[in-house]
Amino acid sequence: MTYSISLRRKVISYVEKGGGKREASRLFQISPDTLYRWLNSEDLAPKKHGSRNRKIDKEKLRREVDNNPDALLRERAVIFNVSPSAISQALKKMKIVKKRA
């Protein structure tokens, strides 16, 4: 959860004016760990998180499905060095479903 900078400043101000840290965390409903992180931080702005690197190359997966349409998820998982559930999720996002006879 991202807290606003104004809330962060209020909490820090409360502690700097003599309020207890545990009391501040209860009063403002934030975790003590979050409060300590803010107190030790130079910049109160929220951190930017980049996108995650995906392990499965979608084009390779599409070619694999085209070349071996009857392969099992666990067989594809071995090829891509991931779990079967990762293959399942990738196929679902790509809107590739196994057709049943």
N, C-alpha and C. Protein backbone atom coordinates (compact mmCIF):
# COMPACT_ATOMS: atom_id res chain seq x y z
N MET A 1 0.84 -1.17 0.00
CA MET A 1 0.00 0.00 0.00
C MET A 1 0.89 1.24 0.00
N THR A 2 0.55 2.21 -0.81
CA THR A 2 1.32 3.44 -0.89
C THR A 2 0.62 4.51 -0.06
N TYR A 3 1.38 5.08 0.87
CA TYR A 3 0.85 6.15 1.70
C TYR A 3 1.22 7.49 1.09
N SER A 4 0.35 8.48 1.27
CA SER A 4 0.61 9.81 0.71
C SER A 4 1.80 10.46 1.43
N ILE A 5 2.44 11.37 0.74
CA ILE A 5 3.59 12.06 1.33
C ILE A 5 3.12 12.92 2.50
N SER A 6 1.91 13.49 2.40
CA SER A 6 1.41 14.32 3.51
C SER A 6 1.24 13.49 4.78
N LEU A 7 0.74 12.26 4.66
CA LEU A 7 0.62 11.39 5.83
C LEU A 7 2.01 11.06 6.38
N ARG A 8 2.93 10.77 5.51
CA ARG A 8 4.29 10.45 5.96
C ARG A 8 4.89 11.62 6.74
N ARG A 9 4.67 12.83 6.25
CA ARG A 9 5.20 14.02 6.94
C ARG A 9 4.52 14.21 8.30
N LYS A 10 3.21 13.96 8.37
CA LYS A 10 2.49 14.09 9.64
C LYS A 10 3.05 13.12 10.67
N VAL A 11 3.28 11.90 10.25
CA VAL A 11 3.80 10.88 11.17
C VAL A 11 5.19 11.26 11.66
N ILE A 12 6.05 11.66 10.73
CA ILE A 12 7.42 12.04 11.10
C ILE A 12 7.39 13.25 12.03
N SER A 13 6.54 14.21 11.73
CA SER A 13 6.41 15.41 12.56
C SER A 13 5.95 15.04 13.97
N TYR A 14 5.00 14.13 14.05
CA TYR A 14 4.48 13.67 15.35
C TYR A 14 5.61 13.09 16.19
N VAL A 15 6.43 12.26 15.59
CA VAL A 15 7.53 11.61 16.31
C VAL A 15 8.59 12.64 16.69
N GLU A 16 8.91 13.58 15.78
CA GLU A 16 9.93 14.59 16.06
C GLU A 16 9.50 15.54 17.18
N LYS A 17 8.18 15.72 17.36
CA LYS A 17 7.68 16.59 18.42
C LYS A 17 7.59 15.87 19.76
N GLY A 18 8.04 14.64 19.81
CA GLY A 18 8.09 13.92 21.09
C GLY A 18 7.13 12.77 21.22
N GLY A 19 6.32 12.52 20.22
CA GLY A 19 5.40 11.39 20.28
C GLY A 19 6.16 10.08 20.18
N GLY A 20 5.66 9.06 20.83
CA GLY A 20 6.30 7.75 20.79
C GLY A 20 6.13 7.09 19.43
N LYS A 21 7.11 6.29 19.06
CA LYS A 21 7.06 5.63 17.75
C LYS A 21 5.96 4.58 17.69
N ARG A 22 5.84 3.78 18.73
CA ARG A 22 4.77 2.77 18.75
C ARG A 22 3.40 3.44 18.80
N GLU A 23 3.32 4.51 19.57
CA GLU A 23 2.07 5.24 19.67
C GLU A 23 1.70 5.84 18.30
N ALA A 24 2.68 6.37 17.60
CA ALA A 24 2.44 6.95 16.27
C ALA A 24 1.96 5.87 15.30
N SER A 25 2.58 4.70 15.38
CA SER A 25 2.17 3.64 14.45
C SER A 25 0.73 3.21 14.72
N ARG A 26 0.32 3.18 15.99
CA ARG A 26 -1.07 2.83 16.31
C ARG A 26 -2.02 3.96 15.91
N LEU A 27 -1.63 5.20 16.21
CA LEU A 27 -2.48 6.36 15.94
C LEU A 27 -2.75 6.53 14.45
N PHE A 28 -1.69 6.39 13.64
CA PHE A 28 -1.82 6.59 12.19
C PHE A 28 -2.08 5.30 11.43
N GLN A 29 -2.20 4.20 12.16
CA GLN A 29 -2.50 2.88 11.60
C GLN A 29 -1.51 2.46 10.51
N ILE A 30 -0.24 2.53 10.87
CA ILE A 30 0.82 2.03 10.00
C ILE A 30 1.66 1.05 10.82
N SER A 31 2.38 0.20 10.15
CA SER A 31 3.20 -0.76 10.89
C SER A 31 4.44 -0.05 11.45
N PRO A 32 4.93 -0.54 12.59
CA PRO A 32 6.16 0.05 13.15
C PRO A 32 7.33 -0.04 12.17
N ASP A 33 7.41 -1.13 11.42
CA ASP A 33 8.49 -1.26 10.44
C ASP A 33 8.44 -0.15 9.40
N THR A 34 7.23 0.19 8.97
CA THR A 34 7.06 1.27 8.00
C THR A 34 7.53 2.59 8.60
N LEU A 35 7.15 2.86 9.83
CA LEU A 35 7.55 4.09 10.51
C LEU A 35 9.08 4.18 10.61
N TYR A 36 9.71 3.10 11.04
CA TYR A 36 11.18 3.11 11.16
C TYR A 36 11.84 3.31 9.80
N ARG A 37 11.26 2.73 8.76
CA ARG A 37 11.81 2.91 7.41
C ARG A 37 11.73 4.38 7.00
N TRP A 38 10.59 5.02 7.31
CA TRP A 38 10.43 6.44 6.98
C TRP A 38 11.40 7.29 7.78
N LEU A 39 11.60 6.96 9.05
CA LEU A 39 12.50 7.74 9.89
C LEU A 39 13.95 7.64 9.41
N ASN A 40 14.34 6.52 8.86
CA ASN A 40 15.70 6.32 8.39
C ASN A 40 15.90 6.72 6.94
N SER A 41 14.84 7.15 6.28
CA SER A 41 14.92 7.49 4.87
C SER A 41 15.19 8.98 4.70
N GLU A 42 16.00 9.32 3.71
CA GLU A 42 16.25 10.73 3.40
C GLU A 42 15.09 11.32 2.61
N ASP A 43 14.48 10.51 1.76
CA ASP A 43 13.40 10.96 0.89
C ASP A 43 12.13 10.20 1.25
N LEU A 44 11.06 10.93 1.50
CA LEU A 44 9.80 10.29 1.90
C LEU A 44 8.95 9.87 0.71
N ALA A 45 9.38 10.20 -0.49
CA ALA A 45 8.60 9.83 -1.68
C ALA A 45 8.56 8.31 -1.82
N PRO A 46 7.43 7.77 -2.28
CA PRO A 46 7.36 6.32 -2.49
C PRO A 46 8.36 5.86 -3.54
N LYS A 47 8.86 4.68 -3.37
CA LYS A 47 9.83 4.11 -4.31
C LYS A 47 9.12 3.66 -5.57
N LYS A 48 9.78 3.85 -6.69
CA LYS A 48 9.25 3.37 -7.96
C LYS A 48 9.70 1.92 -8.15
N HIS A 49 8.78 1.09 -8.54
CA HIS A 49 9.10 -0.31 -8.79
C HIS A 49 9.03 -0.55 -10.29
N GLY A 50 10.06 -1.18 -10.81
CA GLY A 50 10.09 -1.48 -12.24
C GLY A 50 9.27 -2.72 -12.54
N SER A 51 9.16 -3.02 -13.79
CA SER A 51 8.44 -4.21 -14.19
C SER A 51 9.29 -5.45 -13.93
N ARG A 52 8.63 -6.54 -13.71
CA ARG A 52 9.35 -7.79 -13.44
C ARG A 52 9.84 -8.39 -14.75
N ASN A 53 10.98 -9.03 -14.66
CA ASN A 53 11.48 -9.76 -15.82
C ASN A 53 10.77 -11.09 -15.90
N ARG A 54 10.24 -11.39 -17.03
CA ARG A 54 9.53 -12.65 -17.22
C ARG A 54 10.49 -13.68 -17.77
N LYS A 55 10.35 -14.88 -17.27
CA LYS A 55 11.24 -15.95 -17.66
C LYS A 55 10.83 -16.61 -18.97
N ILE A 56 9.54 -16.60 -19.26
CA ILE A 56 9.03 -17.32 -20.42
C ILE A 56 8.94 -16.38 -21.62
N ASP A 57 9.63 -16.75 -22.68
CA ASP A 57 9.55 -16.00 -23.93
C ASP A 57 8.26 -16.42 -24.63
N LYS A 58 7.37 -15.46 -24.79
CA LYS A 58 6.03 -15.77 -25.32
C LYS A 58 6.08 -16.30 -26.75
N GLU A 59 6.96 -15.75 -27.57
CA GLU A 59 7.05 -16.23 -28.95
C GLU A 59 7.57 -17.67 -29.02
N LYS A 60 8.55 -17.99 -28.18
CA LYS A 60 9.06 -19.37 -28.14
C LYS A 60 7.97 -20.32 -27.66
N LEU A 61 7.20 -19.87 -26.67
CA LEU A 61 6.11 -20.70 -26.16
C LEU A 61 5.07 -20.93 -27.24
N ARG A 62 4.74 -19.89 -28.00
CA ARG A 62 3.76 -20.03 -29.07
C ARG A 62 4.26 -21.02 -30.13
N ARG A 63 5.54 -20.94 -30.49
CA ARG A 63 6.11 -21.89 -31.46
C ARG A 63 6.08 -23.31 -30.91
N GLU A 64 6.40 -23.44 -29.62
CA GLU A 64 6.38 -24.76 -28.98
C GLU A 64 4.98 -25.36 -29.02
N VAL A 65 3.98 -24.56 -28.77
CA VAL A 65 2.59 -25.05 -28.80
C VAL A 65 2.20 -25.43 -30.22
N ASP A 66 2.62 -24.62 -31.20
CA ASP A 66 2.32 -24.94 -32.60
C ASP A 66 3.00 -26.23 -33.05
N ASN A 67 4.26 -26.43 -32.63
CA ASN A 67 5.01 -27.61 -33.03
C ASN A 67 4.60 -28.87 -32.28
N ASN A 68 4.23 -28.73 -31.02
CA ASN A 68 3.85 -29.88 -30.19
C ASN A 68 2.53 -29.58 -29.47
N PRO A 69 1.43 -29.62 -30.18
CA PRO A 69 0.15 -29.24 -29.56
C PRO A 69 -0.32 -30.21 -28.47
N ASP A 70 0.17 -31.42 -28.47
CA ASP A 70 -0.29 -32.41 -27.49
C ASP A 70 0.62 -32.52 -26.26
N ALA A 71 1.63 -31.69 -26.16
CA ALA A 71 2.56 -31.77 -25.03
C ALA A 71 1.86 -31.38 -23.73
N LEU A 72 2.28 -31.99 -22.65
CA LEU A 72 1.71 -31.71 -21.34
C LEU A 72 2.37 -30.47 -20.74
N LEU A 73 1.70 -29.86 -19.78
CA LEU A 73 2.26 -28.68 -19.13
C LEU A 73 3.61 -28.98 -18.49
N ARG A 74 3.71 -30.13 -17.85
CA ARG A 74 4.98 -30.46 -17.19
C ARG A 74 6.10 -30.65 -18.19
N GLU A 75 5.78 -31.14 -19.40
CA GLU A 75 6.81 -31.29 -20.43
C GLU A 75 7.27 -29.92 -20.92
N ARG A 76 6.33 -29.01 -21.10
CA ARG A 76 6.70 -27.65 -21.51
C ARG A 76 7.49 -26.95 -20.40
N ALA A 77 7.12 -27.22 -19.16
CA ALA A 77 7.81 -26.60 -18.03
C ALA A 77 9.28 -26.98 -18.00
N VAL A 78 9.58 -28.23 -18.33
CA VAL A 78 10.98 -28.67 -18.37
C VAL A 78 11.74 -27.93 -19.46
N ILE A 79 11.11 -27.74 -20.60
CA ILE A 79 11.75 -27.04 -21.72
C ILE A 79 12.09 -25.60 -21.34
N PHE A 80 11.17 -24.92 -20.65
CA PHE A 80 11.35 -23.51 -20.31
C PHE A 80 11.95 -23.30 -18.91
N ASN A 81 12.22 -24.39 -18.20
CA ASN A 81 12.82 -24.33 -16.88
C ASN A 81 11.98 -23.50 -15.90
N VAL A 82 10.68 -23.75 -15.91
CA VAL A 82 9.75 -23.08 -14.99
C VAL A 82 8.79 -24.13 -14.45
N SER A 83 7.87 -23.70 -13.61
CA SER A 83 6.89 -24.64 -13.06
C SER A 83 5.73 -24.82 -14.05
N PRO A 84 5.03 -25.94 -13.95
CA PRO A 84 3.85 -26.14 -14.81
C PRO A 84 2.80 -25.04 -14.64
N SER A 85 2.65 -24.53 -13.41
CA SER A 85 1.66 -23.47 -13.21
C SER A 85 2.07 -22.19 -13.93
N ALA A 86 3.37 -21.93 -14.06
CA ALA A 86 3.83 -20.75 -14.80
C ALA A 86 3.48 -20.89 -16.28
N ILE A 87 3.63 -22.10 -16.81
CA ILE A 87 3.25 -22.35 -18.21
C ILE A 87 1.75 -22.16 -18.37
N SER A 88 0.98 -22.69 -17.43
CA SER A 88 -0.47 -22.58 -17.48
C SER A 88 -0.91 -21.11 -17.49
N GLN A 89 -0.31 -20.31 -16.60
CA GLN A 89 -0.66 -18.89 -16.53
C GLN A 89 -0.27 -18.15 -17.80
N ALA A 90 0.90 -18.48 -18.34
CA ALA A 90 1.35 -17.82 -19.58
C ALA A 90 0.41 -18.17 -20.73
N LEU A 91 0.03 -19.43 -20.84
CA LEU A 91 -0.89 -19.84 -21.91
C LEU A 91 -2.24 -19.16 -21.75
N LYS A 92 -2.70 -19.02 -20.51
CA LYS A 92 -3.98 -18.37 -20.26
C LYS A 92 -3.91 -16.90 -20.68
N LYS A 93 -2.81 -16.21 -20.36
CA LYS A 93 -2.65 -14.81 -20.75
C LYS A 93 -2.57 -14.66 -22.26
N MET A 94 -2.01 -15.67 -22.91
CA MET A 94 -1.90 -15.64 -24.37
C MET A 94 -3.19 -16.11 -25.04
N LYS A 95 -4.17 -16.49 -24.22
CA LYS A 95 -5.46 -17.00 -24.71
C LYS A 95 -5.31 -18.25 -25.57
N ILE A 96 -4.40 -19.13 -25.14
CA ILE A 96 -4.21 -20.42 -25.80
C ILE A 96 -4.82 -21.47 -24.89
N VAL A 97 -5.82 -22.14 -25.38
CA VAL A 97 -6.47 -23.17 -24.58
C VAL A 97 -6.34 -24.52 -25.30
N LYS A 98 -6.29 -25.58 -24.50
CA LYS A 98 -6.22 -26.91 -25.09
C LYS A 98 -7.62 -27.32 -25.49
N LYS A 99 -7.78 -27.66 -26.74
CA LYS A 99 -9.10 -28.08 -27.23
C LYS A 99 -9.31 -29.55 -26.89
N ARG A 100 -10.46 -29.84 -26.34
CA ARG A 100 -10.77 -31.21 -25.97
C ARG A 100 -11.64 -31.85 -27.06
N ALA A 101 -11.35 -33.09 -27.32
CA ALA A 101 -12.09 -33.80 -28.37
C ALA A 101 -13.44 -34.24 -27.92
